[in-house]
Amino acid sequence: MRFIIFVIDSHSNTANGDEISAIDAFNVDLQANGHWIMAAGIGGPDKAKLIDNRSALGVMSSASLNTGSEHYSGFWIIEANSQDTAISLAEAGSKACNRKDELRPFLQ
């Protein structure tokens, strides 16, 4: 089963040196244990484009759907044999990056 773990940030969108080391170690562990698919940091809400082209509407704004103080700053896509395993990995990811995260399953 595949899952996505979204990293939730509130300000800087950057990790400090200790957090980077912990994230790197977490990534190595994911890879070593066959859970790794991919990971990436993503630009903050100030870099977002909200696009609605349903029925060729052609509306685009420089905004994020989420207007609150928290936003996604990165993600991991993982492979896990159960939701319990995915939850454990999301907990470890939250600890490594020192941020909240959100776990969602891929739809089958």
PDB file of N, CA and C in Angstrom:
ATOM      1  N   MET A   1       0.846  -1.179   0.000  1.00  0.00           N
ATOM      2  CA  MET A   1       0.000   0.000   0.000  1.00  0.00           C
ATOM      3  C   MET A   1       0.891   1.241   0.000  1.00  0.00           C
ATOM      4  N   ARG A   2       0.448   2.230  -0.734  1.00  0.00           N
ATOM      5  CA  ARG A   2       1.199   3.477  -0.774  1.00  0.00           C
ATOM      6  C   ARG A   2       0.482   4.553   0.031  1.00  0.00           C
ATOM      7  N   PHE A   3       1.297   5.402   0.639  1.00  0.00           N
ATOM      8  CA  PHE A   3       0.801   6.500   1.455  1.00  0.00           C
ATOM      9  C   PHE A   3       1.617   7.741   1.148  1.00  0.00           C
ATOM     10  N   ILE A   4       1.026   8.889   1.449  1.00  0.00           N
ATOM     11  CA  ILE A   4       1.770  10.148   1.401  1.00  0.00           C
ATOM     12  C   ILE A   4       1.778  10.736   2.800  1.00  0.00           C
ATOM     13  N   ILE A   5       2.935  11.207   3.192  1.00  0.00           N
ATOM     14  CA  ILE A   5       3.091  11.907   4.469  1.00  0.00           C
ATOM     15  C   ILE A   5       3.422  13.354   4.125  1.00  0.00           C
ATOM     16  N   PHE A   6       2.498  14.261   4.416  1.00  0.00           N
ATOM     17  CA  PHE A   6       2.726  15.683   4.195  1.00  0.00           C
ATOM     18  C   PHE A   6       3.391  16.284   5.430  1.00  0.00           C
ATOM     19  N   VAL A   7       4.439  17.047   5.239  1.00  0.00           N
ATOM     20  CA  VAL A   7       5.087  17.778   6.328  1.00  0.00           C
ATOM     21  C   VAL A   7       4.378  19.123   6.458  1.00  0.00           C
ATOM     22  N   ILE A   8       4.013  19.478   7.683  1.00  0.00           N
ATOM     23  CA  ILE A   8       3.283  20.715   7.947  1.00  0.00           C
ATOM     24  C   ILE A   8       4.202  21.695   8.641  1.00  0.00           C
ATOM     25  N   ASP A   9       4.321  22.884   8.060  1.00  0.00           N
ATOM     26  CA  ASP A   9       5.191  23.932   8.593  1.00  0.00           C
ATOM     27  C   ASP A   9       4.328  25.142   8.902  1.00  0.00           C
ATOM     28  N   SER A  10       4.874  26.078   9.646  1.00  0.00           N
ATOM     29  CA  SER A  10       4.102  27.271   9.958  1.00  0.00           C
ATOM     30  C   SER A  10       4.806  28.569   9.613  1.00  0.00           C
ATOM     31  N   HIS A  11       6.116  28.529   9.388  1.00  0.00           N
ATOM     32  CA  HIS A  11       6.802  29.793   9.132  1.00  0.00           C
ATOM     33  C   HIS A  11       7.884  29.675   8.076  1.00  0.00           C
ATOM     34  N   SER A  12       9.026  29.202   8.492  1.00  0.00           N
ATOM     35  CA  SER A  12      10.247  29.366   7.710  1.00  0.00           C
ATOM     36  C   SER A  12      10.357  28.469   6.486  1.00  0.00           C
ATOM     37  N   ASN A  13       9.716  27.298   6.507  1.00  0.00           N
ATOM     38  CA  ASN A  13       9.835  26.331   5.424  1.00  0.00           C
ATOM     39  C   ASN A  13      11.271  25.831   5.266  1.00  0.00           C
ATOM     40  N   THR A  14      12.080  25.993   6.312  1.00  0.00           N
ATOM     41  CA  THR A  14      13.452  25.496   6.275  1.00  0.00           C
ATOM     42  C   THR A  14      13.771  24.768   7.574  1.00  0.00           C
ATOM     43  N   ALA A  15      14.515  23.723   7.448  1.00  0.00           N
ATOM     44  CA  ALA A  15      14.937  22.959   8.621  1.00  0.00           C
ATOM     45  C   ALA A  15      16.305  23.438   9.077  1.00  0.00           C
ATOM     46  N   ASN A  16      16.557  23.351  10.379  1.00  0.00           N
ATOM     47  CA  ASN A  16      17.891  23.703  10.890  1.00  0.00           C
ATOM     48  C   ASN A  16      18.819  22.502  10.706  1.00  0.00           C
ATOM     49  N   GLY A  17      20.084  22.668  11.051  1.00  0.00           N
ATOM     50  CA  GLY A  17      21.090  21.625  10.830  1.00  0.00           C
ATOM     51  C   GLY A  17      20.761  20.303  11.492  1.00  0.00           C
ATOM     52  N   ASP A  18      20.296  20.340  12.741  1.00  0.00           N
ATOM     53  CA  ASP A  18      19.948  19.108  13.446  1.00  0.00           C
ATOM     54  C   ASP A  18      18.762  18.414  12.778  1.00  0.00           C
ATOM     55  N   GLU A  19      17.780  19.210  12.352  1.00  0.00           N
ATOM     56  CA  GLU A  19      16.606  18.640  11.687  1.00  0.00           C
ATOM     57  C   GLU A  19      16.995  18.021  10.343  1.00  0.00           C
ATOM     58  N   ILE A  20      17.863  18.683   9.604  1.00  0.00           N
ATOM     59  CA  ILE A  20      18.316  18.146   8.310  1.00  0.00           C
ATOM     60  C   ILE A  20      19.009  16.799   8.516  1.00  0.00           C
ATOM     61  N   SER A  21      19.864  16.718   9.534  1.00  0.00           N
ATOM     62  CA  SER A  21      20.548  15.447   9.827  1.00  0.00           C
ATOM     63  C   SER A  21      19.551  14.355  10.186  1.00  0.00           C
ATOM     64  N   ALA A  22      18.548  14.693  10.997  1.00  0.00           N
ATOM     65  CA  ALA A  22      17.533  13.714  11.400  1.00  0.00           C
ATOM     66  C   ALA A  22      16.687  13.284  10.198  1.00  0.00           C
ATOM     67  N   ILE A  23      16.358  14.225   9.325  1.00  0.00           N
ATOM     68  CA  ILE A  23      15.586  13.912   8.115  1.00  0.00           C
ATOM     69  C   ILE A  23      16.405  12.998   7.201  1.00  0.00           C
ATOM     70  N   ASP A  24      17.683  13.328   7.021  1.00  0.00           N
ATOM     71  CA  ASP A  24      18.556  12.482   6.199  1.00  0.00           C
ATOM     72  C   ASP A  24      18.613  11.056   6.751  1.00  0.00           C
ATOM     73  N   ALA A  25      18.744  10.920   8.067  1.00  0.00           N
ATOM     74  CA  ALA A  25      18.794   9.590   8.688  1.00  0.00           C
ATOM     75  C   ALA A  25      17.459   8.860   8.506  1.00  0.00           C
ATOM     76  N   PHE A  26      16.351   9.576   8.627  1.00  0.00           N
ATOM     77  CA  PHE A  26      15.038   8.984   8.417  1.00  0.00           C
ATOM     78  C   PHE A  26      14.907   8.493   6.973  1.00  0.00           C
ATOM     79  N   ASN A  27      15.368   9.310   6.019  1.00  0.00           N
ATOM     80  CA  ASN A  27      15.319   8.920   4.610  1.00  0.00           C
ATOM     81  C   ASN A  27      16.138   7.658   4.351  1.00  0.00           C
ATOM     82  N   VAL A  28      17.318   7.589   4.933  1.00  0.00           N
ATOM     83  CA  VAL A  28      18.175   6.404   4.780  1.00  0.00           C
ATOM     84  C   VAL A  28      17.465   5.174   5.348  1.00  0.00           C
ATOM     85  N   ASP A  29      16.822   5.337   6.503  1.00  0.00           N
ATOM     86  CA  ASP A  29      16.094   4.230   7.125  1.00  0.00           C
ATOM     87  C   ASP A  29      14.926   3.781   6.244  1.00  0.00           C
ATOM     88  N   LEU A  30      14.183   4.730   5.678  1.00  0.00           N
ATOM     89  CA  LEU A  30      13.087   4.373   4.765  1.00  0.00           C
ATOM     90  C   LEU A  30      13.614   3.557   3.589  1.00  0.00           C
ATOM     91  N   GLN A  31      14.731   4.005   3.027  1.00  0.00           N
ATOM     92  CA  GLN A  31      15.318   3.314   1.879  1.00  0.00           C
ATOM     93  C   GLN A  31      15.797   1.919   2.264  1.00  0.00           C
ATOM     94  N   ALA A  32      16.470   1.817   3.389  1.00  0.00           N
ATOM     95  CA  ALA A  32      17.041   0.540   3.822  1.00  0.00           C
ATOM     96  C   ALA A  32      15.963  -0.502   4.124  1.00  0.00           C
ATOM     97  N   ASN A  33      14.782  -0.030   4.527  1.00  0.00           N
ATOM     98  CA  ASN A  33      13.717  -0.948   4.920  1.00  0.00           C
ATOM     99  C   ASN A  33      12.642  -1.125   3.850  1.00  0.00           C
ATOM    100  N   GLY A  34      12.895  -0.614   2.646  1.00  0.00           N
ATOM    101  CA  GLY A  34      11.971  -0.818   1.533  1.00  0.00           C
ATOM    102  C   GLY A  34      10.712   0.020   1.561  1.00  0.00           C
ATOM    103  N   HIS A  35      10.698   1.081   2.364  1.00  0.00           N
ATOM    104  CA  HIS A  35       9.514   1.940   2.443  1.00  0.00           C
ATOM    105  C   HIS A  35       9.603   3.154   1.516  1.00  0.00           C
ATOM    106  N   TRP A  36      10.779   3.476   1.051  1.00  0.00           N
ATOM    107  CA  TRP A  36      11.030   4.692   0.275  1.00  0.00           C
ATOM    108  C   TRP A  36      10.462   4.589  -1.135  1.00  0.00           C
ATOM    109  N   ILE A  37       9.711   5.596  -1.542  1.00  0.00           N
ATOM    110  CA  ILE A  37       9.365   5.782  -2.947  1.00  0.00           C
ATOM    111  C   ILE A  37       9.966   7.100  -3.417  1.00  0.00           C
ATOM    112  N   MET A  38       9.630   8.187  -2.728  1.00  0.00           N
ATOM    113  CA  MET A  38      10.255   9.470  -3.027  1.00  0.00           C
ATOM    114  C   MET A  38       9.921  10.470  -1.924  1.00  0.00           C
ATOM    115  N   ALA A  39      10.652  11.583  -1.922  1.00  0.00           N
ATOM    116  CA  ALA A  39      10.396  12.665  -0.985  1.00  0.00           C
ATOM    117  C   ALA A  39      10.845  13.967  -1.624  1.00  0.00           C
ATOM    118  N   ALA A  40      10.265  15.070  -1.181  1.00  0.00           N
ATOM    119  CA  ALA A  40      10.668  16.378  -1.686  1.00  0.00           C
ATOM    120  C   ALA A  40      10.157  17.465  -0.765  1.00  0.00           C
ATOM    121  N   GLY A  41      10.890  18.558  -0.727  1.00  0.00           N
ATOM    122  CA  GLY A  41      10.388  19.774  -0.121  1.00  0.00           C
ATOM    123  C   GLY A  41       9.608  20.522  -1.198  1.00  0.00           C
ATOM    124  N   ILE A  42       8.640  21.327  -0.795  1.00  0.00           N
ATOM    125  CA  ILE A  42       7.865  22.099  -1.767  1.00  0.00           C
ATOM    126  C   ILE A  42       7.817  23.564  -1.345  1.00  0.00           C
ATOM    127  N   GLY A  43       7.642  24.437  -2.334  1.00  0.00           N
ATOM    128  CA  GLY A  43       7.583  25.876  -2.075  1.00  0.00           C
ATOM    129  C   GLY A  43       6.420  26.237  -1.162  1.00  0.00           C
ATOM    130  N   GLY A  44       6.564  27.349  -0.481  1.00  0.00           N
ATOM    131  CA  GLY A  44       5.542  27.823   0.435  1.00  0.00           C
ATOM    132  C   GLY A  44       4.325  28.386  -0.283  1.00  0.00           C
ATOM    133  N   PRO A  45       3.323  28.789   0.500  1.00  0.00           N
ATOM    134  CA  PRO A  45       2.085  29.305  -0.083  1.00  0.00           C
ATOM    135  C   PRO A  45       2.297  30.525  -0.976  1.00  0.00           C
ATOM    136  N   ASP A  46       3.355  31.284  -0.722  1.00  0.00           N
ATOM    137  CA  ASP A  46       3.629  32.460  -1.553  1.00  0.00           C
ATOM    138  C   ASP A  46       4.052  32.070  -2.962  1.00  0.00           C
ATOM    139  N   LYS A  47       4.378  30.808  -3.178  1.00  0.00           N
ATOM    140  CA  LYS A  47       4.776  30.310  -4.505  1.00  0.00           C
ATOM    141  C   LYS A  47       3.625  29.571  -5.202  1.00  0.00           C
ATOM    142  N   ALA A  48       2.479  29.442  -4.533  1.00  0.00           N
ATOM    143  CA  ALA A  48       1.375  28.633  -5.047  1.00  0.00           C
ATOM    144  C   ALA A  48       0.587  29.356  -6.135  1.00  0.00           C
ATOM    145  N   LYS A  49       0.063  28.568  -7.051  1.00  0.00           N
ATOM    146  CA  LYS A  49      -0.885  29.031  -8.064  1.00  0.00           C
ATOM    147  C   LYS A  49      -2.135  28.175  -7.916  1.00  0.00           C
ATOM    148  N   LEU A  50      -3.247  28.807  -7.699  1.00  0.00           N
ATOM    149  CA  LEU A  50      -4.525  28.110  -7.575  1.00  0.00           C
ATOM    150  C   LEU A  50      -5.225  28.224  -8.930  1.00  0.00           C
ATOM    151  N   ILE A  51      -5.466  27.088  -9.556  1.00  0.00           N
ATOM    152  CA  ILE A  51      -5.969  27.055 -10.930  1.00  0.00           C
ATOM    153  C   ILE A  51      -7.316  26.345 -10.972  1.00  0.00           C
ATOM    154  N   ASP A  52      -8.275  26.963 -11.639  1.00  0.00           N
ATOM    155  CA  ASP A  52      -9.582  26.341 -11.861  1.00  0.00           C
ATOM    156  C   ASP A  52      -9.899  26.436 -13.350  1.00  0.00           C
ATOM    157  N   ASN A  53      -9.702  25.321 -14.035  1.00  0.00           N
ATOM    158  CA  ASN A  53      -9.979  25.293 -15.465  1.00  0.00           C
ATOM    159  C   ASN A  53     -11.125  24.331 -15.783  1.00  0.00           C
ATOM    160  N   ARG A  54     -11.970  24.084 -14.779  1.00  0.00           N
ATOM    161  CA  ARG A  54     -13.160  23.270 -15.038  1.00  0.00           C
ATOM    162  C   ARG A  54     -14.023  24.000 -16.060  1.00  0.00           C
ATOM    163  N   SER A  55     -14.545  23.279 -17.000  1.00  0.00           N
ATOM    164  CA  SER A  55     -15.363  23.851 -18.080  1.00  0.00           C
ATOM    165  C   SER A  55     -14.648  25.000 -18.775  1.00  0.00           C
ATOM    166  N   ALA A  56     -13.309  24.886 -18.894  1.00  0.00           N
ATOM    167  CA  ALA A  56     -12.474  25.910 -19.549  1.00  0.00           C
ATOM    168  C   ALA A  56     -12.637  27.283 -18.908  1.00  0.00           C
ATOM    169  N   LEU A  57     -12.815  27.309 -17.595  1.00  0.00           N
ATOM    170  CA  LEU A  57     -13.018  28.565 -16.870  1.00  0.00           C
ATOM    171  C   LEU A  57     -11.797  29.477 -16.952  1.00  0.00           C
ATOM    172  N   GLY A  58     -10.599  28.902 -16.873  1.00  0.00           N
ATOM    173  CA  GLY A  58      -9.378  29.684 -17.034  1.00  0.00           C
ATOM    174  C   GLY A  58      -9.062  30.649 -15.903  1.00  0.00           C
ATOM    175  N   VAL A  59      -9.413  30.300 -14.676  1.00  0.00           N
ATOM    176  CA  VAL A  59      -9.147  31.176 -13.534  1.00  0.00           C
ATOM    177  C   VAL A  59      -7.858  30.728 -12.851  1.00  0.00           C
ATOM    178  N   MET A  60      -6.963  31.666 -12.613  1.00  0.00           N
ATOM    179  CA  MET A  60      -5.730  31.371 -11.896  1.00  0.00           C
ATOM    180  C   MET A  60      -5.443  32.528 -10.954  1.00  0.00           C
ATOM    181  N   SER A  61      -5.032  32.186  -9.738  1.00  0.00           N
ATOM    182  CA  SER A  61      -4.642  33.220  -8.780  1.00  0.00           C
ATOM    183  C   SER A  61      -3.352  32.802  -8.089  1.00  0.00           C
ATOM    184  N   SER A  62      -2.612  33.784  -7.660  1.00  0.00           N
ATOM    185  CA  SER A  62      -1.396  33.531  -6.883  1.00  0.00           C
ATOM    186  C   SER A  62      -1.819  33.365  -5.436  1.00  0.00           C
ATOM    187  N   ALA A  63      -2.194  32.145  -5.107  1.00  0.00           N
ATOM    188  CA  ALA A  63      -2.706  31.868  -3.768  1.00  0.00           C
ATOM    189  C   ALA A  63      -2.651  30.371  -3.517  1.00  0.00           C
ATOM    190  N   SER A  64      -2.839  30.018  -2.263  1.00  0.00           N
ATOM    191  CA  SER A  64      -2.954  28.626  -1.861  1.00  0.00           C
ATOM    192  C   SER A  64      -4.385  28.377  -1.420  1.00  0.00           C
ATOM    193  N   LEU A  65      -4.833  27.154  -1.578  1.00  0.00           N
ATOM    194  CA  LEU A  65      -6.160  26.800  -1.094  1.00  0.00           C
ATOM    195  C   LEU A  65      -6.247  27.012   0.414  1.00  0.00           C
ATOM    196  N   ASN A  66      -5.160  26.672   1.113  1.00  0.00           N
ATOM    197  CA  ASN A  66      -5.102  26.835   2.561  1.00  0.00           C
ATOM    198  C   ASN A  66      -4.613  28.239   2.882  1.00  0.00           C
ATOM    199  N   THR A  67      -5.431  29.029   3.539  1.00  0.00           N
ATOM    200  CA  THR A  67      -5.049  30.406   3.876  1.00  0.00           C
ATOM    201  C   THR A  67      -4.650  30.566   5.333  1.00  0.00           C
ATOM    202  N   GLY A  68      -4.588  29.475   6.078  1.00  0.00           N
ATOM    203  CA  GLY A  68      -4.194  29.545   7.482  1.00  0.00           C
ATOM    204  C   GLY A  68      -2.688  29.712   7.628  1.00  0.00           C
ATOM    205  N   SER A  69      -2.227  29.722   8.861  1.00  0.00           N
ATOM    206  CA  SER A  69      -0.802  29.931   9.117  1.00  0.00           C
ATOM    207  C   SER A  69       0.029  28.681   8.845  1.00  0.00           C
ATOM    208  N   GLU A  70      -0.610  27.508   8.791  1.00  0.00           N
ATOM    209  CA  GLU A  70       0.124  26.277   8.524  1.00  0.00           C
ATOM    210  C   GLU A  70      -0.039  25.887   7.056  1.00  0.00           C
ATOM    211  N   HIS A  71       0.997  25.252   6.537  1.00  0.00           N
ATOM    212  CA  HIS A  71       0.983  24.846   5.130  1.00  0.00           C
ATOM    213  C   HIS A  71       1.874  23.617   4.955  1.00  0.00           C
ATOM    214  N   TYR A  72       1.712  22.945   3.826  1.00  0.00           N
ATOM    215  CA  TYR A  72       2.584  21.822   3.501  1.00  0.00           C
ATOM    216  C   TYR A  72       3.921  22.363   3.037  1.00  0.00           C
ATOM    217  N   SER A  73       4.997  21.785   3.560  1.00  0.00           N
ATOM    218  CA  SER A  73       6.338  22.219   3.151  1.00  0.00           C
ATOM    219  C   SER A  73       7.141  21.086   2.517  1.00  0.00           C
ATOM    220  N   GLY A  74       6.570  19.899   2.479  1.00  0.00           N
ATOM    221  CA  GLY A  74       7.237  18.780   1.858  1.00  0.00           C
ATOM    222  C   GLY A  74       6.413  17.524   2.022  1.00  0.00           C
ATOM    223  N   PHE A  75       6.945  16.427   1.505  1.00  0.00           N
ATOM    224  CA  PHE A  75       6.216  15.172   1.594  1.00  0.00           C
ATOM    225  C   PHE A  75       7.154  13.991   1.410  1.00  0.00           C
ATOM    226  N   TRP A  76       6.695  12.860   1.890  1.00  0.00           N
ATOM    227  CA  TRP A  76       7.286  11.559   1.590  1.00  0.00           C
ATOM    228  C   TRP A  76       6.186  10.718   0.953  1.00  0.00           C
ATOM    229  N   ILE A  77       6.511   9.974  -0.061  1.00  0.00           N
ATOM    230  CA  ILE A  77       5.630   8.931  -0.569  1.00  0.00           C
ATOM    231  C   ILE A  77       6.287   7.619  -0.165  1.00  0.00           C
ATOM    232  N   ILE A  78       5.518   6.816   0.556  1.00  0.00           N
ATOM    233  CA  ILE A  78       6.073   5.596   1.145  1.00  0.00           C
ATOM    234  C   ILE A  78       5.271   4.368   0.726  1.00  0.00           C
ATOM    235  N   GLU A  79       5.901   3.229   0.888  1.00  0.00           N
ATOM    236  CA  GLU A  79       5.264   1.922   0.718  1.00  0.00           C
ATOM    237  C   GLU A  79       5.228   1.275   2.101  1.00  0.00           C
ATOM    238  N   ALA A  80       4.057   0.816   2.501  1.00  0.00           N
ATOM    239  CA  ALA A  80       3.916   0.150   3.801  1.00  0.00           C
ATOM    240  C   ALA A  80       2.930  -1.002   3.648  1.00  0.00           C
ATOM    241  N   ASN A  81       3.148  -2.067   4.385  1.00  0.00           N
ATOM    242  CA  ASN A  81       2.275  -3.237   4.256  1.00  0.00           C
ATOM    243  C   ASN A  81       0.978  -3.095   5.039  1.00  0.00           C
ATOM    244  N   SER A  82       0.857  -2.047   5.860  1.00  0.00           N
ATOM    245  CA  SER A  82      -0.374  -1.830   6.624  1.00  0.00           C
ATOM    246  C   SER A  82      -0.464  -0.363   7.036  1.00  0.00           C
ATOM    247  N   GLN A  83      -1.666   0.028   7.420  1.00  0.00           N
ATOM    248  CA  GLN A  83      -1.847   1.393   7.920  1.00  0.00           C
ATOM    249  C   GLN A  83      -1.082   1.586   9.226  1.00  0.00           C
ATOM    250  N   ASP A  84      -1.025   0.566  10.059  1.00  0.00           N
ATOM    251  CA  ASP A  84      -0.274   0.676  11.311  1.00  0.00           C
ATOM    252  C   ASP A  84       1.197   0.979  11.049  1.00  0.00           C
ATOM    253  N   THR A  85       1.784   0.305  10.062  1.00  0.00           N
ATOM    254  CA  THR A  85       3.179   0.575   9.699  1.00  0.00           C
ATOM    255  C   THR A  85       3.318   1.998   9.183  1.00  0.00           C
ATOM    256  N   ALA A  86       2.377   2.432   8.343  1.00  0.00           N
ATOM    257  CA  ALA A  86       2.421   3.790   7.812  1.00  0.00           C
ATOM    258  C   ALA A  86       2.321   4.828   8.931  1.00  0.00           C
ATOM    259  N   ILE A  87       1.473   4.555   9.912  1.00  0.00           N
ATOM    260  CA  ILE A  87       1.339   5.475  11.050  1.00  0.00           C
ATOM    261  C   ILE A  87       2.658   5.549  11.821  1.00  0.00           C
ATOM    262  N   SER A  88       3.288   4.414  12.048  1.00  0.00           N
ATOM    263  CA  SER A  88       4.585   4.399  12.739  1.00  0.00           C
ATOM    264  C   SER A  88       5.627   5.200  11.972  1.00  0.00           C
ATOM    265  N   LEU A  89       5.624   5.055  10.647  1.00  0.00           N
ATOM    266  CA  LEU A  89       6.576   5.815   9.827  1.00  0.00           C
ATOM    267  C   LEU A  89       6.255   7.308   9.858  1.00  0.00           C
ATOM    268  N   ALA A  90       4.983   7.662   9.845  1.00  0.00           N
ATOM    269  CA  ALA A  90       4.599   9.082   9.928  1.00  0.00           C
ATOM    270  C   ALA A  90       5.008   9.671  11.280  1.00  0.00           C
ATOM    271  N   GLU A  91       4.881   8.885  12.337  1.00  0.00           N
ATOM    272  CA  GLU A  91       5.327   9.347  13.656  1.00  0.00           C
ATOM    273  C   GLU A  91       6.832   9.583  13.655  1.00  0.00           C
ATOM    274  N   ALA A  92       7.577   8.669  13.055  1.00  0.00           N
ATOM    275  CA  ALA A  92       9.035   8.826  12.974  1.00  0.00           C
ATOM    276  C   ALA A  92       9.407  10.024  12.105  1.00  0.00           C
ATOM    277  N   GLY A  93       8.667  10.251  11.026  1.00  0.00           N
ATOM    278  CA  GLY A  93       8.916  11.408  10.171  1.00  0.00           C
ATOM    279  C   GLY A  93       8.649  12.711  10.889  1.00  0.00           C
ATOM    280  N   SER A  94       7.578  12.762  11.652  1.00  0.00           N
ATOM    281  CA  SER A  94       7.257  13.958  12.433  1.00  0.00           C
ATOM    282  C   SER A  94       8.367  14.274  13.432  1.00  0.00           C
ATOM    283  N   LYS A  95       8.860  13.238  14.085  1.00  0.00           N
ATOM    284  CA  LYS A  95       9.957  13.426  15.042  1.00  0.00           C
ATOM    285  C   LYS A  95      11.218  13.892  14.329  1.00  0.00           C
ATOM    286  N   ALA A  96      11.532  13.280  13.184  1.00  0.00           N
ATOM    287  CA  ALA A  96      12.760  13.629  12.458  1.00  0.00           C
ATOM    288  C   ALA A  96      12.755  15.087  11.995  1.00  0.00           C
ATOM    289  N   CYS A  97      11.641  15.538  11.441  1.00  0.00           N
ATOM    290  CA  CYS A  97      11.625  16.908  10.904  1.00  0.00           C
ATOM    291  C   CYS A  97      11.159  17.935  11.927  1.00  0.00           C
ATOM    292  N   ASN A  98      10.761  17.471  13.112  1.00  0.00           N
ATOM    293  CA  ASN A  98      10.335  18.355  14.187  1.00  0.00           C
ATOM    294  C   ASN A  98       9.136  19.216  13.775  1.00  0.00           C
ATOM    295  N   ARG A  99       8.220  18.589  13.050  1.00  0.00           N
ATOM    296  CA  ARG A  99       7.017  19.256  12.597  1.00  0.00           C
ATOM    297  C   ARG A  99       5.858  18.261  12.625  1.00  0.00           C
ATOM    298  N   LYS A 100       4.649  18.793  12.604  1.00  0.00           N
ATOM    299  CA  LYS A 100       3.492  17.925  12.442  1.00  0.00           C
ATOM    300  C   LYS A 100       3.526  17.352  11.033  1.00  0.00           C
ATOM    301  N   ASP A 101       2.891  16.214  10.865  1.00  0.00           N
ATOM    302  CA  ASP A 101       2.688  15.715   9.521  1.00  0.00           C
ATOM    303  C   ASP A 101       1.289  15.125   9.400  1.00  0.00           C
ATOM    304  N   GLU A 102       0.889  14.886   8.168  1.00  0.00           N
ATOM    305  CA  GLU A 102      -0.423  14.340   7.868  1.00  0.00           C
ATOM    306  C   GLU A 102      -0.253  13.129   6.965  1.00  0.00           C
ATOM    307  N   LEU A 103      -0.877  12.034   7.336  1.00  0.00           N
ATOM    308  CA  LEU A 103      -0.775  10.774   6.598  1.00  0.00           C
ATOM    309  C   LEU A 103      -2.071  10.538   5.832  1.00  0.00           C
ATOM    310  N   ARG A 104      -1.938  10.204   4.556  1.00  0.00           N
ATOM    311  CA  ARG A 104      -3.116   9.829   3.752  1.00  0.00           C
ATOM    312  C   ARG A 104      -2.753   8.637   2.872  1.00  0.00           C
ATOM    313  N   PRO A 105      -3.690   7.693   2.729  1.00  0.00           N
ATOM    314  CA  PRO A 105      -3.435   6.558   1.837  1.00  0.00           C
ATOM    315  C   PRO A 105      -3.687   6.958   0.389  1.00  0.00           C
ATOM    316  N   PHE A 106      -2.973   6.320  -0.516  1.00  0.00           N
ATOM    317  CA  PHE A 106      -3.296   6.450  -1.934  1.00  0.00           C
ATOM    318  C   PHE A 106      -4.570   5.650  -2.171  1.00  0.00           C
ATOM    319  N   LEU A 107      -5.406   6.114  -3.033  1.00  0.00           N
ATOM    320  CA  LEU A 107      -6.619   5.376  -3.390  1.00  0.00           C
ATOM    321  C   LEU A 107      -6.252   4.249  -4.332  1.00  0.00           C
ATOM    322  N   GLN A 108      -6.832   3.137  -4.145  1.00  0.00           N
ATOM    323  CA  GLN A 108      -6.538   1.952  -4.968  1.00  0.00           C
ATOM    324  C   GLN A 108      -7.373   1.950  -6.224  1.00  0.00           C
TER     325      GLN A 108
END
